[in-house]
Amino acid sequence: MKINPVKTESDYRLALKRLEEVFDAPIGTEESDEADILGLLVDEYEKKHYPIDPPDPIEAIKIRMEEMHLKQVDLISEIGGKSRVSEVLNRKRKLTVEMIRNLTKRLNISAQVLINDYQLVK
């Protein structure tokens, strides 16, 4: 098992190909160890060359609402009134610290996601 650093796009493609080959190797085997190491190398390369922007807070709320089958009215206690929920979800009002705390608990969304900035609609 010889593992090379992943420095170039070509290295990345080769590492992905090999990872695919050894991905389902039984735990405790040399191939399993190789898969673990390749996974780390590929992950680091992707973080550096294919960064993912932080999710939009309002989109994150809407997605979680859909997953939990919630309507706007279900967030009144977390945001503070039917019209305020509408204003927040339609980007007419920013989330407050208290709203973020409440939504973090209710929707199980990281506060780190909810504190990201987003544009208001005028």
PDB file of N, CA and C in Angstrom:
ATOM      1  N   MET A   1       0.859  -1.186   0.000  1.00  0.00           N
ATOM      2  CA  MET A   1       0.000   0.000   0.000  1.00  0.00           C
ATOM      3  C   MET A   1       0.894   1.234   0.000  1.00  0.00           C
ATOM      4  N   LYS A   2       0.924   1.913  -1.118  1.00  0.00           N
ATOM      5  CA  LYS A   2       1.682   3.161  -1.209  1.00  0.00           C
ATOM      6  C   LYS A   2       0.679   4.280  -1.451  1.00  0.00           C
ATOM      7  N   ILE A   3       0.613   5.226  -0.536  1.00  0.00           N
ATOM      8  CA  ILE A   3      -0.313   6.350  -0.662  1.00  0.00           C
ATOM      9  C   ILE A   3       0.504   7.602  -0.921  1.00  0.00           C
ATOM     10  N   ASN A   4       0.104   8.302  -1.983  1.00  0.00           N
ATOM     11  CA  ASN A   4       0.797   9.531  -2.348  1.00  0.00           C
ATOM     12  C   ASN A   4      -0.004  10.740  -1.886  1.00  0.00           C
ATOM     13  N   PRO A   5       0.683  11.876  -1.682  1.00  0.00           N
ATOM     14  CA  PRO A   5      -0.047  13.096  -1.340  1.00  0.00           C
ATOM     15  C   PRO A   5      -0.977  13.502  -2.491  1.00  0.00           C
ATOM     16  N   VAL A   6      -2.025  14.219  -2.145  1.00  0.00           N
ATOM     17  CA  VAL A   6      -2.972  14.708  -3.154  1.00  0.00           C
ATOM     18  C   VAL A   6      -2.716  16.202  -3.306  1.00  0.00           C
ATOM     19  N   LYS A   7      -1.944  16.542  -4.345  1.00  0.00           N
ATOM     20  CA  LYS A   7      -1.533  17.935  -4.558  1.00  0.00           C
ATOM     21  C   LYS A   7      -2.139  18.535  -5.816  1.00  0.00           C
ATOM     22  N   THR A   8      -2.451  17.702  -6.797  1.00  0.00           N
ATOM     23  CA  THR A   8      -2.951  18.198  -8.078  1.00  0.00           C
ATOM     24  C   THR A   8      -4.311  17.574  -8.383  1.00  0.00           C
ATOM     25  N   GLU A   9      -4.961  18.109  -9.391  1.00  0.00           N
ATOM     26  CA  GLU A   9      -6.252  17.564  -9.821  1.00  0.00           C
ATOM     27  C   GLU A   9      -6.092  16.107 -10.266  1.00  0.00           C
ATOM     28  N   SER A  10      -4.981  15.820 -10.920  1.00  0.00           N
ATOM     29  CA  SER A  10      -4.697  14.450 -11.354  1.00  0.00           C
ATOM     30  C   SER A  10      -4.540  13.512 -10.141  1.00  0.00           C
ATOM     31  N   ASP A  11      -3.800  13.971  -9.122  1.00  0.00           N
ATOM     32  CA  ASP A  11      -3.658  13.194  -7.882  1.00  0.00           C
ATOM     33  C   ASP A  11      -5.026  12.949  -7.250  1.00  0.00           C
ATOM     34  N   TYR A  12      -5.843  13.985  -7.269  1.00  0.00           N
ATOM     35  CA  TYR A  12      -7.185  13.918  -6.682  1.00  0.00           C
ATOM     36  C   TYR A  12      -8.029  12.854  -7.382  1.00  0.00           C
ATOM     37  N   ARG A  13      -8.007  12.869  -8.717  1.00  0.00           N
ATOM     38  CA  ARG A  13      -8.798  11.894  -9.482  1.00  0.00           C
ATOM     39  C   ARG A  13      -8.320  10.466  -9.219  1.00  0.00           C
ATOM     40  N   LEU A  14      -6.992  10.294  -9.164  1.00  0.00           N
ATOM     41  CA  LEU A  14      -6.437   8.968  -8.877  1.00  0.00           C
ATOM     42  C   LEU A  14      -6.837   8.496  -7.476  1.00  0.00           C
ATOM     43  N   ALA A  15      -6.774   9.414  -6.515  1.00  0.00           N
ATOM     44  CA  ALA A  15      -7.146   9.066  -5.140  1.00  0.00           C
ATOM     45  C   ALA A  15      -8.627   8.689  -5.056  1.00  0.00           C
ATOM     46  N   LEU A  16      -9.472   9.443  -5.752  1.00  0.00           N
ATOM     47  CA  LEU A  16     -10.903   9.121  -5.765  1.00  0.00           C
ATOM     48  C   LEU A  16     -11.153   7.747  -6.375  1.00  0.00           C
ATOM     49  N   LYS A  17     -10.463   7.459  -7.470  1.00  0.00           N
ATOM     50  CA  LYS A  17     -10.623   6.169  -8.143  1.00  0.00           C
ATOM     51  C   LYS A  17     -10.215   5.033  -7.205  1.00  0.00           C
ATOM     52  N   ARG A  18      -9.078   5.193  -6.554  1.00  0.00           N
ATOM     53  CA  ARG A  18      -8.598   4.147  -5.633  1.00  0.00           C
ATOM     54  C   ARG A  18      -9.524   4.043  -4.427  1.00  0.00           C
ATOM     55  N   LEU A  19     -10.006   5.158  -3.931  1.00  0.00           N
ATOM     56  CA  LEU A  19     -10.923   5.148  -2.788  1.00  0.00           C
ATOM     57  C   LEU A  19     -12.182   4.356  -3.128  1.00  0.00           C
ATOM     58  N   GLU A  20     -12.666   4.536  -4.342  1.00  0.00           N
ATOM     59  CA  GLU A  20     -13.838   3.790  -4.796  1.00  0.00           C
ATOM     60  C   GLU A  20     -13.570   2.282  -4.755  1.00  0.00           C
ATOM     61  N   GLU A  21     -12.364   1.890  -5.113  1.00  0.00           N
ATOM     62  CA  GLU A  21     -11.995   0.474  -5.155  1.00  0.00           C
ATOM     63  C   GLU A  21     -11.900  -0.149  -3.758  1.00  0.00           C
ATOM     64  N   VAL A  22     -11.421   0.608  -2.783  1.00  0.00           N
ATOM     65  CA  VAL A  22     -11.182   0.037  -1.445  1.00  0.00           C
ATOM     66  C   VAL A  22     -12.211   0.480  -0.407  1.00  0.00           C
ATOM     67  N   PHE A  23     -13.205   1.253  -0.830  1.00  0.00           N
ATOM     68  CA  PHE A  23     -14.150   1.866   0.104  1.00  0.00           C
ATOM     69  C   PHE A  23     -14.860   0.835   0.991  1.00  0.00           C
ATOM     70  N   ASP A  24     -15.299  -0.268   0.436  1.00  0.00           N
ATOM     71  CA  ASP A  24     -16.063  -1.259   1.196  1.00  0.00           C
ATOM     72  C   ASP A  24     -15.204  -2.383   1.765  1.00  0.00           C
ATOM     73  N   ALA A  25     -13.919  -2.152   1.878  1.00  0.00           N
ATOM     74  CA  ALA A  25     -13.026  -3.181   2.414  1.00  0.00           C
ATOM     75  C   ALA A  25     -13.396  -3.488   3.864  1.00  0.00           C
ATOM     76  N   PRO A  26     -13.279  -4.750   4.267  1.00  0.00           N
ATOM     77  CA  PRO A  26     -13.582  -5.118   5.656  1.00  0.00           C
ATOM     78  C   PRO A  26     -12.685  -4.355   6.637  1.00  0.00           C
ATOM     79  N   ILE A  27     -13.284  -3.916   7.728  1.00  0.00           N
ATOM     80  CA  ILE A  27     -12.548  -3.166   8.757  1.00  0.00           C
ATOM     81  C   ILE A  27     -11.421  -4.032   9.304  1.00  0.00           C
ATOM     82  N   GLY A  28     -10.280  -3.392   9.504  1.00  0.00           N
ATOM     83  CA  GLY A  28      -9.124  -4.091  10.047  1.00  0.00           C
ATOM     84  C   GLY A  28      -8.172  -4.586   8.978  1.00  0.00           C
ATOM     85  N   THR A  29      -8.570  -4.474   7.721  1.00  0.00           N
ATOM     86  CA  THR A  29      -7.688  -4.898   6.636  1.00  0.00           C
ATOM     87  C   THR A  29      -6.822  -3.735   6.188  1.00  0.00           C
ATOM     88  N   GLU A  30      -5.795  -4.064   5.435  1.00  0.00           N
ATOM     89  CA  GLU A  30      -4.903  -3.038   4.904  1.00  0.00           C
ATOM     90  C   GLU A  30      -5.674  -2.092   3.980  1.00  0.00           C
ATOM     91  N   GLU A  31      -6.607  -2.655   3.191  1.00  0.00           N
ATOM     92  CA  GLU A  31      -7.409  -1.835   2.282  1.00  0.00           C
ATOM     93  C   GLU A  31      -8.319  -0.879   3.049  1.00  0.00           C
ATOM     94  N   SER A  32      -8.831  -1.317   4.177  1.00  0.00           N
ATOM     95  CA  SER A  32      -9.674  -0.449   5.009  1.00  0.00           C
ATOM     96  C   SER A  32      -8.866   0.731   5.546  1.00  0.00           C
ATOM     97  N   ASP A  33      -7.647   0.440   5.998  1.00  0.00           N
ATOM     98  CA  ASP A  33      -6.761   1.513   6.472  1.00  0.00           C
ATOM     99  C   ASP A  33      -6.438   2.476   5.336  1.00  0.00           C
ATOM    100  N   GLU A  34      -6.197   1.910   4.155  1.00  0.00           N
ATOM    101  CA  GLU A  34      -5.914   2.732   2.986  1.00  0.00           C
ATOM    102  C   GLU A  34      -7.111   3.639   2.669  1.00  0.00           C
ATOM    103  N   ALA A  35      -8.320   3.093   2.757  1.00  0.00           N
ATOM    104  CA  ALA A  35      -9.533   3.874   2.504  1.00  0.00           C
ATOM    105  C   ALA A  35      -9.649   5.025   3.496  1.00  0.00           C
ATOM    106  N   ASP A  36      -9.338   4.770   4.759  1.00  0.00           N
ATOM    107  CA  ASP A  36      -9.399   5.828   5.781  1.00  0.00           C
ATOM    108  C   ASP A  36      -8.438   6.968   5.449  1.00  0.00           C
ATOM    109  N   ILE A  37      -7.226   6.603   5.089  1.00  0.00           N
ATOM    110  CA  ILE A  37      -6.206   7.620   4.788  1.00  0.00           C
ATOM    111  C   ILE A  37      -6.571   8.382   3.516  1.00  0.00           C
ATOM    112  N   LEU A  38      -6.993   7.652   2.478  1.00  0.00           N
ATOM    113  CA  LEU A  38      -7.395   8.313   1.228  1.00  0.00           C
ATOM    114  C   LEU A  38      -8.576   9.249   1.466  1.00  0.00           C
ATOM    115  N   GLY A  39      -9.503   8.829   2.296  1.00  0.00           N
ATOM    116  CA  GLY A  39     -10.657   9.674   2.611  1.00  0.00           C
ATOM    117  C   GLY A  39     -10.226  10.996   3.214  1.00  0.00           C
ATOM    118  N   LEU A  40      -9.273  10.952   4.120  1.00  0.00           N
ATOM    119  CA  LEU A  40      -8.762  12.182   4.739  1.00  0.00           C
ATOM    120  C   LEU A  40      -8.061  13.073   3.716  1.00  0.00           C
ATOM    121  N   LEU A  41      -7.245  12.462   2.870  1.00  0.00           N
ATOM    122  CA  LEU A  41      -6.519  13.232   1.858  1.00  0.00           C
ATOM    123  C   LEU A  41      -7.477  13.885   0.859  1.00  0.00           C
ATOM    124  N   VAL A  42      -8.473  13.125   0.416  1.00  0.00           N
ATOM    125  CA  VAL A  42      -9.459  13.652  -0.522  1.00  0.00           C
ATOM    126  C   VAL A  42     -10.253  14.783   0.130  1.00  0.00           C
ATOM    127  N   ASP A  43     -10.640  14.589   1.384  1.00  0.00           N
ATOM    128  CA  ASP A  43     -11.409  15.607   2.101  1.00  0.00           C
ATOM    129  C   ASP A  43     -10.623  16.910   2.219  1.00  0.00           C
ATOM    130  N   GLU A  44      -9.364  16.834   2.563  1.00  0.00           N
ATOM    131  CA  GLU A  44      -8.528  18.036   2.677  1.00  0.00           C
ATOM    132  C   GLU A  44      -8.374  18.740   1.332  1.00  0.00           C
ATOM    133  N   TYR A  45      -8.168  17.964   0.271  1.00  0.00           N
ATOM    134  CA  TYR A  45      -8.042  18.556  -1.063  1.00  0.00           C
ATOM    135  C   TYR A  45      -9.338  19.273  -1.442  1.00  0.00           C
ATOM    136  N   GLU A  46     -10.483  18.634  -1.176  1.00  0.00           N
ATOM    137  CA  GLU A  46     -11.774  19.236  -1.521  1.00  0.00           C
ATOM    138  C   GLU A  46     -12.044  20.507  -0.718  1.00  0.00           C
ATOM    139  N   LYS A  47     -11.682  20.501   0.557  1.00  0.00           N
ATOM    140  CA  LYS A  47     -11.876  21.706   1.374  1.00  0.00           C
ATOM    141  C   LYS A  47     -11.084  22.883   0.811  1.00  0.00           C
ATOM    142  N   LYS A  48      -9.892  22.586   0.322  1.00  0.00           N
ATOM    143  CA  LYS A  48      -9.021  23.638  -0.194  1.00  0.00           C
ATOM    144  C   LYS A  48      -9.432  24.093  -1.594  1.00  0.00           C
ATOM    145  N   HIS A  49      -9.805  23.162  -2.470  1.00  0.00           N
ATOM    146  CA  HIS A  49     -10.052  23.479  -3.871  1.00  0.00           C
ATOM    147  C   HIS A  49     -11.525  23.590  -4.254  1.00  0.00           C
ATOM    148  N   TYR A  50     -12.405  23.049  -3.434  1.00  0.00           N
ATOM    149  CA  TYR A  50     -13.842  23.107  -3.725  1.00  0.00           C
ATOM    150  C   TYR A  50     -14.612  23.521  -2.466  1.00  0.00           C
ATOM    151  N   PRO A  51     -14.287  24.701  -1.925  1.00  0.00           N
ATOM    152  CA  PRO A  51     -14.955  25.103  -0.678  1.00  0.00           C
ATOM    153  C   PRO A  51     -16.462  25.270  -0.881  1.00  0.00           C
ATOM    154  N   ILE A  52     -17.188  24.949   0.147  1.00  0.00           N
ATOM    155  CA  ILE A  52     -18.646  25.096   0.117  1.00  0.00           C
ATOM    156  C   ILE A  52     -19.009  26.322   0.935  1.00  0.00           C
ATOM    157  N   ASP A  53     -19.761  27.221   0.326  1.00  0.00           N
ATOM    158  CA  ASP A  53     -20.197  28.414   1.043  1.00  0.00           C
ATOM    159  C   ASP A  53     -21.130  28.015   2.169  1.00  0.00           C
ATOM    160  N   PRO A  54     -21.114  28.804   3.256  1.00  0.00           N
ATOM    161  CA  PRO A  54     -22.036  28.487   4.345  1.00  0.00           C
ATOM    162  C   PRO A  54     -23.479  28.593   3.851  1.00  0.00           C
ATOM    163  N   PRO A  55     -24.354  27.750   4.389  1.00  0.00           N
ATOM    164  CA  PRO A  55     -25.743  27.798   3.928  1.00  0.00           C
ATOM    165  C   PRO A  55     -26.421  29.110   4.305  1.00  0.00           C
ATOM    166  N   ASP A  56     -27.348  29.522   3.486  1.00  0.00           N
ATOM    167  CA  ASP A  56     -28.148  30.703   3.759  1.00  0.00           C
ATOM    168  C   ASP A  56     -29.087  30.386   4.934  1.00  0.00           C
ATOM    169  N   PRO A  57     -29.106  31.230   5.972  1.00  0.00           N
ATOM    170  CA  PRO A  57     -29.917  30.940   7.152  1.00  0.00           C
ATOM    171  C   PRO A  57     -31.407  30.745   6.841  1.00  0.00           C
ATOM    172  N   ILE A  58     -31.964  31.594   6.003  1.00  0.00           N
ATOM    173  CA  ILE A  58     -33.391  31.505   5.712  1.00  0.00           C
ATOM    174  C   ILE A  58     -33.699  30.232   4.930  1.00  0.00           C
ATOM    175  N   GLU A  59     -32.831  29.885   3.983  1.00  0.00           N
ATOM    176  CA  GLU A  59     -33.024  28.635   3.244  1.00  0.00           C
ATOM    177  C   GLU A  59     -32.913  27.439   4.175  1.00  0.00           C
ATOM    178  N   ALA A  60     -31.972  27.495   5.122  1.00  0.00           N
ATOM    179  CA  ALA A  60     -31.814  26.402   6.087  1.00  0.00           C
ATOM    180  C   ALA A  60     -33.094  26.234   6.913  1.00  0.00           C
ATOM    181  N   ILE A  61     -33.684  27.344   7.338  1.00  0.00           N
ATOM    182  CA  ILE A  61     -34.937  27.294   8.109  1.00  0.00           C
ATOM    183  C   ILE A  61     -36.043  26.689   7.256  1.00  0.00           C
ATOM    184  N   LYS A  62     -36.160  27.147   6.011  1.00  0.00           N
ATOM    185  CA  LYS A  62     -37.227  26.646   5.133  1.00  0.00           C
ATOM    186  C   LYS A  62     -37.068  25.155   4.851  1.00  0.00           C
ATOM    187  N   ILE A  63     -35.841  24.719   4.632  1.00  0.00           N
ATOM    188  CA  ILE A  63     -35.600  23.296   4.376  1.00  0.00           C
ATOM    189  C   ILE A  63     -35.974  22.466   5.596  1.00  0.00           C
ATOM    190  N   ARG A  64     -35.563  22.930   6.777  1.00  0.00           N
ATOM    191  CA  ARG A  64     -35.887  22.175   7.998  1.00  0.00           C
ATOM    192  C   ARG A  64     -37.382  22.181   8.259  1.00  0.00           C
ATOM    193  N   MET A  65     -38.045  23.295   7.974  1.00  0.00           N
ATOM    194  CA  MET A  65     -39.505  23.344   8.127  1.00  0.00           C
ATOM    195  C   MET A  65     -40.161  22.294   7.226  1.00  0.00           C
ATOM    196  N   GLU A  66     -39.668  22.197   6.008  1.00  0.00           N
ATOM    197  CA  GLU A  66     -40.223  21.212   5.066  1.00  0.00           C
ATOM    198  C   GLU A  66     -39.974  19.791   5.572  1.00  0.00           C
ATOM    199  N   GLU A  67     -38.756  19.538   6.044  1.00  0.00           N
ATOM    200  CA  GLU A  67     -38.417  18.208   6.564  1.00  0.00           C
ATOM    201  C   GLU A  67     -39.295  17.831   7.758  1.00  0.00           C
ATOM    202  N   MET A  68     -39.622  18.826   8.584  1.00  0.00           N
ATOM    203  CA  MET A  68     -40.408  18.580   9.794  1.00  0.00           C
ATOM    204  C   MET A  68     -41.907  18.793   9.564  1.00  0.00           C
ATOM    205  N   HIS A  69     -42.291  19.091   8.321  1.00  0.00           N
ATOM    206  CA  HIS A  69     -43.697  19.330   7.961  1.00  0.00           C
ATOM    207  C   HIS A  69     -44.307  20.456   8.792  1.00  0.00           C
ATOM    208  N   LEU A  70     -43.548  21.552   8.923  1.00  0.00           N
ATOM    209  CA  LEU A  70     -44.014  22.709   9.688  1.00  0.00           C
ATOM    210  C   LEU A  70     -44.490  23.801   8.748  1.00  0.00           C
ATOM    211  N   LYS A  71     -45.438  24.571   9.225  1.00  0.00           N
ATOM    212  CA  LYS A  71     -45.914  25.750   8.502  1.00  0.00           C
ATOM    213  C   LYS A  71     -45.396  26.984   9.233  1.00  0.00           C
ATOM    214  N   GLN A  72     -45.554  28.144   8.600  1.00  0.00           N
ATOM    215  CA  GLN A  72     -45.080  29.381   9.233  1.00  0.00           C
ATOM    216  C   GLN A  72     -45.684  29.561  10.616  1.00  0.00           C
ATOM    217  N   VAL A  73     -46.948  29.236  10.758  1.00  0.00           N
ATOM    218  CA  VAL A  73     -47.637  29.420  12.031  1.00  0.00           C
ATOM    219  C   VAL A  73     -46.991  28.599  13.158  1.00  0.00           C
ATOM    220  N   ASP A  74     -46.308  27.508  12.787  1.00  0.00           N
ATOM    221  CA  ASP A  74     -45.664  26.661  13.790  1.00  0.00           C
ATOM    222  C   ASP A  74     -44.431  27.317  14.422  1.00  0.00           C
ATOM    223  N   LEU A  75     -43.941  28.403  13.828  1.00  0.00           N
ATOM    224  CA  LEU A  75     -42.746  29.075  14.360  1.00  0.00           C
ATOM    225  C   LEU A  75     -43.069  30.375  15.109  1.00  0.00           C
ATOM    226  N   ILE A  76     -44.338  30.610  15.360  1.00  0.00           N
ATOM    227  CA  ILE A  76     -44.737  31.847  16.056  1.00  0.00           C
ATOM    228  C   ILE A  76     -44.060  31.956  17.422  1.00  0.00           C
ATOM    229  N   SER A  77     -44.035  30.863  18.167  1.00  0.00           N
ATOM    230  CA  SER A  77     -43.453  30.952  19.518  1.00  0.00           C
ATOM    231  C   SER A  77     -41.939  31.185  19.471  1.00  0.00           C
ATOM    232  N   GLU A  78     -41.275  30.769  18.397  1.00  0.00           N
ATOM    233  CA  GLU A  78     -39.828  30.965  18.287  1.00  0.00           C
ATOM    234  C   GLU A  78     -39.466  32.340  17.735  1.00  0.00           C
ATOM    235  N   ILE A  79     -40.313  32.877  16.864  1.00  0.00           N
ATOM    236  CA  ILE A  79     -39.972  34.135  16.191  1.00  0.00           C
ATOM    237  C   ILE A  79     -40.781  35.312  16.720  1.00  0.00           C
ATOM    238  N   GLY A  80     -42.024  35.085  17.112  1.00  0.00           N
ATOM    239  CA  GLY A  80     -42.788  36.145  17.753  1.00  0.00           C
ATOM    240  C   GLY A  80     -43.895  36.762  16.930  1.00  0.00           C
ATOM    241  N   GLY A  81     -44.896  36.019  16.567  1.00  0.00           N
ATOM    242  CA  GLY A  81     -46.047  36.572  15.854  1.00  0.00           C
ATOM    243  C   GLY A  81     -46.083  36.142  14.402  1.00  0.00           C
ATOM    244  N   LYS A  82     -47.294  35.973  13.898  1.00  0.00           N
ATOM    245  CA  LYS A  82     -47.486  35.491  12.530  1.00  0.00           C
ATOM    246  C   LYS A  82     -46.845  36.422  11.500  1.00  0.00           C
ATOM    247  N   SER A  83     -47.043  37.732  11.667  1.00  0.00           N
ATOM    248  CA  SER A  83     -46.481  38.671  10.686  1.00  0.00           C
ATOM    249  C   SER A  83     -44.954  38.709  10.781  1.00  0.00           C
ATOM    250  N   ARG A  84     -44.412  38.563  11.980  1.00  0.00           N
ATOM    251  CA  ARG A  84     -42.952  38.562  12.140  1.00  0.00           C
ATOM    252  C   ARG A  84     -42.346  37.325  11.481  1.00  0.00           C
ATOM    253  N   VAL A  85     -42.982  36.166  11.619  1.00  0.00           N
ATOM    254  CA  VAL A  85     -42.498  34.946  10.961  1.00  0.00           C
ATOM    255  C   VAL A  85     -42.450  35.179   9.452  1.00  0.00           C
ATOM    256  N   SER A  86     -43.518  35.736   8.926  1.00  0.00           N
ATOM    257  CA  SER A  86     -43.599  36.024   7.492  1.00  0.00           C
ATOM    258  C   SER A  86     -42.500  36.990   7.066  1.00  0.00           C
ATOM    259  N   GLU A  87     -42.290  38.037   7.846  1.00  0.00           N
ATOM    260  CA  GLU A  87     -41.253  39.019   7.522  1.00  0.00           C
ATOM    261  C   GLU A  87     -39.869  38.381   7.488  1.00  0.00           C
ATOM    262  N   VAL A  88     -39.570  37.523   8.476  1.00  0.00           N
ATOM    263  CA  VAL A  88     -38.261  36.861   8.529  1.00  0.00           C
ATOM    264  C   VAL A  88     -38.096  35.928   7.335  1.00  0.00           C
ATOM    265  N   LEU A  89     -39.101  35.079   7.081  1.00  0.00           N
ATOM    266  CA  LEU A  89     -38.983  34.093   6.007  1.00  0.00           C
ATOM    267  C   LEU A  89     -39.001  34.733   4.619  1.00  0.00           C
ATOM    268  N   ASN A  90     -39.530  35.931   4.516  1.00  0.00           N
ATOM    269  CA  ASN A  90     -39.529  36.656   3.245  1.00  0.00           C
ATOM    270  C   ASN A  90     -38.401  37.683   3.165  1.00  0.00           C
ATOM    271  N   ARG A  91     -37.476  37.594   4.131  1.00  0.00           N
ATOM    272  CA  ARG A  91     -36.265  38.428   4.149  1.00  0.00           C
ATOM    273  C   ARG A  91     -36.543  39.920   4.291  1.00  0.00           C
ATOM    274  N   LYS A  92     -37.572  40.247   5.017  1.00  0.00           N
ATOM    275  CA  LYS A  92     -37.879  41.656   5.269  1.00  0.00           C
ATOM    276  C   LYS A  92     -37.408  42.075   6.661  1.00  0.00           C
ATOM    277  N   ARG A  93     -37.036  41.103   7.472  1.00  0.00           N
ATOM    278  CA  ARG A  93     -36.561  41.360   8.829  1.00  0.00           C
ATOM    279  C   ARG A  93     -35.448  40.359   9.147  1.00  0.00           C
ATOM    280  N   LYS A  94     -34.416  40.847   9.824  1.00  0.00           N
ATOM    281  CA  LYS A  94     -33.289  39.999  10.225  1.00  0.00           C
ATOM    282  C   LYS A  94     -33.646  39.174  11.454  1.00  0.00           C
ATOM    283  N   LEU A  95     -32.983  38.042  11.578  1.00  0.00           N
ATOM    284  CA  LEU A  95     -33.111  37.228  12.781  1.00  0.00           C
ATOM    285  C   LEU A  95     -32.428  37.944  13.943  1.00  0.00           C
ATOM    286  N   THR A  96     -33.039  37.891  15.109  1.00  0.00           N
ATOM    287  CA  THR A  96     -32.416  38.431  16.314  1.00  0.00           C
ATOM    288  C   THR A  96     -31.707  37.296  17.049  1.00  0.00           C
ATOM    289  N   VAL A  97     -30.907  37.652  18.032  1.00  0.00           N
ATOM    290  CA  VAL A  97     -30.205  36.647  18.831  1.00  0.00           C
ATOM    291  C   VAL A  97     -31.221  35.723  19.512  1.00  0.00           C
ATOM    292  N   GLU A  98     -32.285  36.287  20.034  1.00  0.00           N
ATOM    293  CA  GLU A  98     -33.304  35.467  20.700  1.00  0.00           C
ATOM    294  C   GLU A  98     -33.977  34.507  19.718  1.00  0.00           C
ATOM    295  N   MET A  99     -34.297  34.995  18.525  1.00  0.00           N
ATOM    296  CA  MET A  99     -34.889  34.128  17.500  1.00  0.00           C
ATOM    297  C   MET A  99     -33.939  32.987  17.161  1.00  0.00           C
ATOM    298  N   ILE A 100     -32.656  33.302  17.006  1.00  0.00           N
ATOM    299  CA  ILE A 100     -31.654  32.282  16.672  1.00  0.00           C
ATOM    300  C   ILE A 100     -31.590  31.229  17.765  1.00  0.00           C
ATOM    301  N   ARG A 101     -31.582  31.661  19.023  1.00  0.00           N
ATOM    302  CA  ARG A 101     -31.575  30.694  20.133  1.00  0.00           C
ATOM    303  C   ARG A 101     -32.790  29.780  20.063  1.00  0.00           C
ATOM    304  N   ASN A 102     -33.962  30.378  19.869  1.00  0.00           N
ATOM    305  CA  ASN A 102     -35.200  29.597  19.823  1.00  0.00           C
ATOM    306  C   ASN A 102     -35.231  28.636  18.642  1.00  0.00           C
ATOM    307  N   LEU A 103     -34.814  29.118  17.471  1.00  0.00           N
ATOM    308  CA  LEU A 103     -34.834  28.284  16.272  1.00  0.00           C
ATOM    309  C   LEU A 103     -33.806  27.158  16.358  1.00  0.00           C
ATOM    310  N   THR A 104     -32.678  27.426  16.991  1.00  0.00           N
ATOM    311  CA  THR A 104     -31.662  26.396  17.175  1.00  0.00           C
ATOM    312  C   THR A 104     -32.250  25.221  17.952  1.00  0.00           C
ATOM    313  N   LYS A 105     -32.984  25.529  19.011  1.00  0.00           N
ATOM    314  CA  LYS A 105     -33.604  24.465  19.817  1.00  0.00           C
ATOM    315  C   LYS A 105     -34.736  23.778  19.064  1.00  0.00           C
ATOM    316  N   ARG A 106     -35.622  24.541  18.471  1.00  0.00           N
ATOM    317  CA  ARG A 106     -36.822  23.986  17.836  1.00  0.00           C
ATOM    318  C   ARG A 106     -36.507  23.195  16.572  1.00  0.00           C
ATOM    319  N   LEU A 107     -35.620  23.751  15.725  1.00  0.00           N
ATOM    320  CA  LEU A 107     -35.362  23.140  14.428  1.00  0.00           C
ATOM    321  C   LEU A 107     -34.076  22.311  14.388  1.00  0.00           C
ATOM    322  N   ASN A 108     -33.322  22.344  15.482  1.00  0.00           N
ATOM    323  CA  ASN A 108     -32.049  21.631  15.563  1.00  0.00           C
ATOM    324  C   ASN A 108     -31.117  22.051  14.415  1.00  0.00           C
ATOM    325  N   ILE A 109     -31.035  23.359  14.210  1.00  0.00           N
ATOM    326  CA  ILE A 109     -30.104  23.936  13.233  1.00  0.00           C
ATOM    327  C   ILE A 109     -29.004  24.612  14.032  1.00  0.00           C
ATOM    328  N   SER A 110     -27.787  24.430  13.614  1.00  0.00           N
ATOM    329  CA  SER A 110     -26.658  25.039  14.295  1.00  0.00           C
ATOM    330  C   SER A 110     -26.783  26.563  14.316  1.00  0.00           C
ATOM    331  N   ALA A 111     -26.486  27.152  15.454  1.00  0.00           N
ATOM    332  CA  ALA A 111     -26.476  28.613  15.549  1.00  0.00           C
ATOM    333  C   ALA A 111     -25.467  29.192  14.562  1.00  0.00           C
ATOM    334  N   GLN A 112     -24.398  28.444  14.288  1.00  0.00           N
ATOM    335  CA  GLN A 112     -23.377  28.877  13.336  1.00  0.00           C
ATOM    336  C   GLN A 112     -23.986  29.129  11.960  1.00  0.00           C
ATOM    337  N   VAL A 113     -24.964  28.322  11.575  1.00  0.00           N
ATOM    338  CA  VAL A 113     -25.656  28.510  10.296  1.00  0.00           C
ATOM    339  C   VAL A 113     -26.558  29.740  10.365  1.00  0.00           C
ATOM    340  N   LEU A 114     -27.290  29.869  11.464  1.00  0.00           N
ATOM    341  CA  LEU A 114     -28.283  30.935  11.578  1.00  0.00           C
ATOM    342  C   LEU A 114     -27.678  32.327  11.733  1.00  0.00           C
ATOM    343  N   ILE A 115     -26.434  32.421  12.196  1.00  0.00           N
ATOM    344  CA  ILE A 115     -25.836  33.751  12.369  1.00  0.00           C
ATOM    345  C   ILE A 115     -25.218  34.283  11.082  1.00  0.00           C
ATOM    346  N   ASN A 116     -25.131  33.444  10.039  1.00  0.00           N
ATOM    347  CA  ASN A 116     -24.587  33.927   8.763  1.00  0.00           C
ATOM    348  C   ASN A 116     -25.434  35.078   8.240  1.00  0.00           C
ATOM    349  N   ASP A 117     -24.772  36.023   7.610  1.00  0.00           N
ATOM    350  CA  ASP A 117     -25.461  37.199   7.099  1.00  0.00           C
ATOM    351  C   ASP A 117     -26.232  36.857   5.824  1.00  0.00           C
ATOM    352  N   TYR A 118     -27.283  37.599   5.573  1.00  0.00           N
ATOM    353  CA  TYR A 118     -28.061  37.441   4.344  1.00  0.00           C
ATOM    354  C   TYR A 118     -28.686  38.781   3.998  1.00  0.00           C
ATOM    355  N   GLN A 119     -29.048  38.924   2.737  1.00  0.00           N
ATOM    356  CA  GLN A 119     -29.583  40.187   2.242  1.00  0.00           C
ATOM    357  C   GLN A 119     -31.081  40.292   2.534  1.00  0.00           C
ATOM    358  N   LEU A 120     -31.477  41.482   2.969  1.00  0.00           N
ATOM    359  CA  LEU A 120     -32.895  41.762   3.138  1.00  0.00           C
ATOM    360  C   LEU A 120     -33.476  42.192   1.800  1.00  0.00           C
ATOM    361  N   VAL A 121     -34.771  41.920   1.631  1.00  0.00           N
ATOM    362  CA  VAL A 121     -35.484  42.358   0.427  1.00  0.00           C
ATOM    363  C   VAL A 121     -36.251  43.612   0.796  1.00  0.00           C
ATOM    364  N   LYS A 122     -36.142  44.622  -0.049  1.00  0.00           N
ATOM    365  CA  LYS A 122     -36.831  45.883   0.269  1.00  0.00           C
ATOM    366  C   LYS A 122     -38.139  45.988  -0.448  1.00  0.00           C
TER     367      LYS A 122
END
